[in-house]
Amino acid sequence: MLIERSSQLRQHAGQLAFPGGKPEASDRDLLDTALREAEEEVGLPRELVSVIGRLHPVPTPSGFMIVPFVGRVRGDWTPRLASGEVERIVIPRLRTLMDPSVYRTTGRVEWRGFHYDMHEYRIGDPPLWGATARMVWDLLERLR
């Protein structure tokens, strides 16, 4: 599940992303942060998430270190989008993401001391790129 971030946000406006955010003092750990953010941003109750595992941490040019988790939603839920943060939910099929015709890479770049492989998935407007595409690429490599 991806979200399209609101065009009103200061950072990463209008981009596709996973639900997530910064840890708060009340979070027990980074998994707790991820589950809390999913509930806040799209109304996904943590009780419906079966956590499968964690992907490699992903540094971003904006200075964040993202620690992504993978989970499966068990059961039905009614999305509730966080006003001012989320424009819409996008749920691409794994089969679509694994289709070579939607993928392209523009090579490796260096930014602020980090080296990035630049991935893009043309699954709609906007395309999936940047840190989120790197996380998707990591997941797909593990599934292959």
Protein backbone atom coordinates (compact mmCIF):
# COMPACT_ATOMS: atom_id res chain seq x y z
CA MET A 1 0.00 0.00 0.00
CA LEU A 2 1.33 3.40 -1.02
CA ILE A 3 0.04 6.87 -0.34
CA GLU A 4 0.20 9.95 -2.51
CA ARG A 5 1.43 12.68 -0.20
CA SER A 6 -0.51 15.93 -0.13
CA SER A 7 0.65 18.63 -2.53
CA GLN A 8 0.50 21.03 0.45
CA LEU A 9 3.35 19.37 2.37
CA ARG A 10 6.78 21.02 2.60
CA GLN A 11 8.78 17.87 1.89
CA HIS A 12 8.12 15.25 -0.78
CA ALA A 13 4.80 16.88 -1.74
CA GLY A 14 2.75 14.94 -4.29
CA GLN A 15 5.09 11.94 -4.24
CA LEU A 16 4.20 8.31 -3.72
CA ALA A 17 5.40 6.95 -0.38
CA PHE A 18 4.68 4.35 2.22
CA PRO A 19 2.80 5.48 5.32
CA GLY A 20 5.38 6.44 7.92
CA GLY A 21 7.06 9.17 9.87
CA LYS A 22 9.32 10.12 12.73
CA PRO A 23 9.36 8.27 16.05
CA GLU A 24 7.55 9.82 19.01
CA ALA A 25 8.52 9.43 22.67
CA SER A 26 5.56 7.11 23.25
CA ASP A 27 6.68 4.64 20.54
CA ARG A 28 8.24 1.46 21.95
CA ASP A 29 10.42 0.92 18.86
CA LEU A 30 10.53 1.65 15.12
CA LEU A 31 7.93 -1.02 14.37
CA ASP A 32 5.59 0.70 16.82
CA THR A 33 6.28 3.97 14.97
CA ALA A 34 5.41 2.36 11.62
CA LEU A 35 2.16 0.89 12.93
CA ARG A 36 1.14 4.16 14.63
CA GLU A 37 1.84 6.16 11.47
CA ALA A 38 -0.19 3.75 9.31
CA GLU A 39 -3.10 4.17 11.69
CA GLU A 40 -2.77 7.97 11.72
CA GLU A 41 -2.28 8.39 7.95
CA VAL A 42 -4.73 5.86 6.51
CA GLY A 43 -6.74 4.57 9.48
CA LEU A 44 -5.22 1.07 9.38
CA PRO A 45 -5.69 -0.57 12.80
CA ARG A 46 -2.45 -2.19 13.98
CA GLU A 47 -4.39 -5.30 15.01
CA LEU A 48 -5.04 -6.02 11.31
CA VAL A 49 -1.35 -5.95 10.36
CA SER A 50 0.64 -9.17 10.32
CA VAL A 51 4.29 -8.07 10.24
CA ILE A 52 6.40 -10.17 7.87
CA GLY A 53 9.79 -8.53 8.30
CA ARG A 54 12.05 -5.54 7.82
CA LEU A 55 13.87 -4.28 4.73
CA HIS A 56 17.29 -2.62 4.57
CA PRO A 57 17.41 0.94 6.00
CA VAL A 58 17.20 3.59 3.27
CA PRO A 59 19.00 6.95 3.56
CA THR A 60 17.38 9.91 1.79
CA PRO A 61 18.87 13.09 0.32
CA SER A 62 16.63 15.07 2.72
CA GLY A 63 18.54 13.60 5.66
CA PHE A 64 16.20 10.86 6.86
CA MET A 65 17.10 7.22 7.48
CA ILE A 66 14.02 5.17 6.69
CA VAL A 67 13.62 1.77 8.37
CA PRO A 68 10.92 0.01 6.32
CA PHE A 69 8.76 -2.87 7.56
CA VAL A 70 6.69 -5.25 5.45
CA GLY A 71 3.31 -6.48 6.57
CA ARG A 72 0.10 -7.97 5.33
CA VAL A 73 -3.36 -6.60 6.11
CA ARG A 74 -5.58 -9.33 7.55
CA GLY A 75 -9.26 -8.57 7.17
CA ASP A 76 -11.35 -5.68 5.95
CA TRP A 77 -10.88 -2.07 6.92
CA THR A 78 -12.20 1.25 5.72
CA PRO A 79 -9.39 3.68 4.86
CA ARG A 80 -9.51 7.07 6.57
CA LEU A 81 -7.07 9.52 4.99
CA ALA A 82 -5.25 12.02 7.19
CA SER A 83 -6.44 15.46 6.12
CA GLY A 84 -3.60 17.64 4.85
CA GLU A 85 -1.16 14.71 4.66
CA VAL A 86 -2.56 12.11 2.26
CA GLU A 87 -4.25 12.71 -1.11
CA ARG A 88 -5.07 9.07 -1.87
CA ILE A 89 -4.10 5.44 -1.38
CA VAL A 90 -2.46 3.53 -4.24
CA ILE A 91 -2.37 -0.27 -4.12
CA PRO A 92 -0.27 -1.65 -7.00
CA ARG A 93 -0.25 -5.39 -7.61
CA LEU A 94 3.05 -7.20 -7.09
CA ARG A 95 2.65 -8.59 -10.61
CA THR A 96 2.56 -5.01 -11.93
CA LEU A 97 5.64 -3.94 -9.98
CA MET A 98 7.54 -7.02 -11.22
CA ASP A 99 6.66 -6.30 -14.86
CA PRO A 100 9.89 -5.19 -16.61
CA SER A 101 7.91 -2.80 -18.84
CA VAL A 102 7.07 -0.49 -15.88
CA TYR A 103 10.62 -0.38 -14.49
CA ARG A 104 13.61 1.69 -15.44
CA THR A 105 16.85 2.72 -13.80
CA THR A 106 18.92 5.81 -14.51
CA GLY A 107 22.02 4.39 -12.86
CA ARG A 108 23.88 5.23 -9.70
CA VAL A 109 24.22 8.73 -8.24
CA GLU A 110 26.10 10.17 -5.28
CA TRP A 111 24.44 12.71 -2.98
CA ARG A 112 25.82 13.99 0.32
CA GLY A 113 28.11 11.03 0.74
CA PHE A 114 25.52 8.36 -0.07
CA HIS A 115 25.40 6.35 -3.28
CA TYR A 116 21.94 5.62 -4.66
CA ASP A 117 20.70 3.32 -7.37
CA MET A 118 17.96 5.30 -9.07
CA HIS A 119 14.85 3.17 -9.66
CA GLU A 120 11.53 4.21 -11.18
CA TYR A 121 8.27 2.31 -11.59
CA ARG A 122 5.87 3.89 -14.09
CA ILE A 123 2.67 2.61 -12.50
CA GLY A 124 0.67 5.81 -12.90
CA ASP A 125 0.81 9.51 -12.22
CA PRO A 126 2.91 10.29 -10.32
CA PRO A 127 5.50 7.60 -10.99
CA LEU A 128 7.04 5.68 -8.10
CA TRP A 129 10.64 6.82 -7.65
CA GLY A 130 13.21 7.91 -5.09
CA ALA A 131 13.52 6.30 -1.66
CA THR A 132 10.16 4.57 -1.99
CA ALA A 133 11.23 2.94 -5.27
CA ARG A 134 14.46 1.77 -3.59
CA MET A 135 12.38 0.07 -0.87
CA VAL A 136 10.12 -1.55 -3.48
CA TRP A 137 13.18 -2.73 -5.41
CA ASP A 138 14.62 -4.27 -2.20
CA LEU A 139 11.34 -6.09 -1.53
CA LEU A 140 11.05 -7.37 -5.10
CA GLU A 141 14.65 -8.63 -5.07
CA ARG A 142 13.86 -10.66 -1.96
CA LEU A 143 10.72 -12.11 -3.57
CA ARG A 144 12.47 -13.17 -6.80
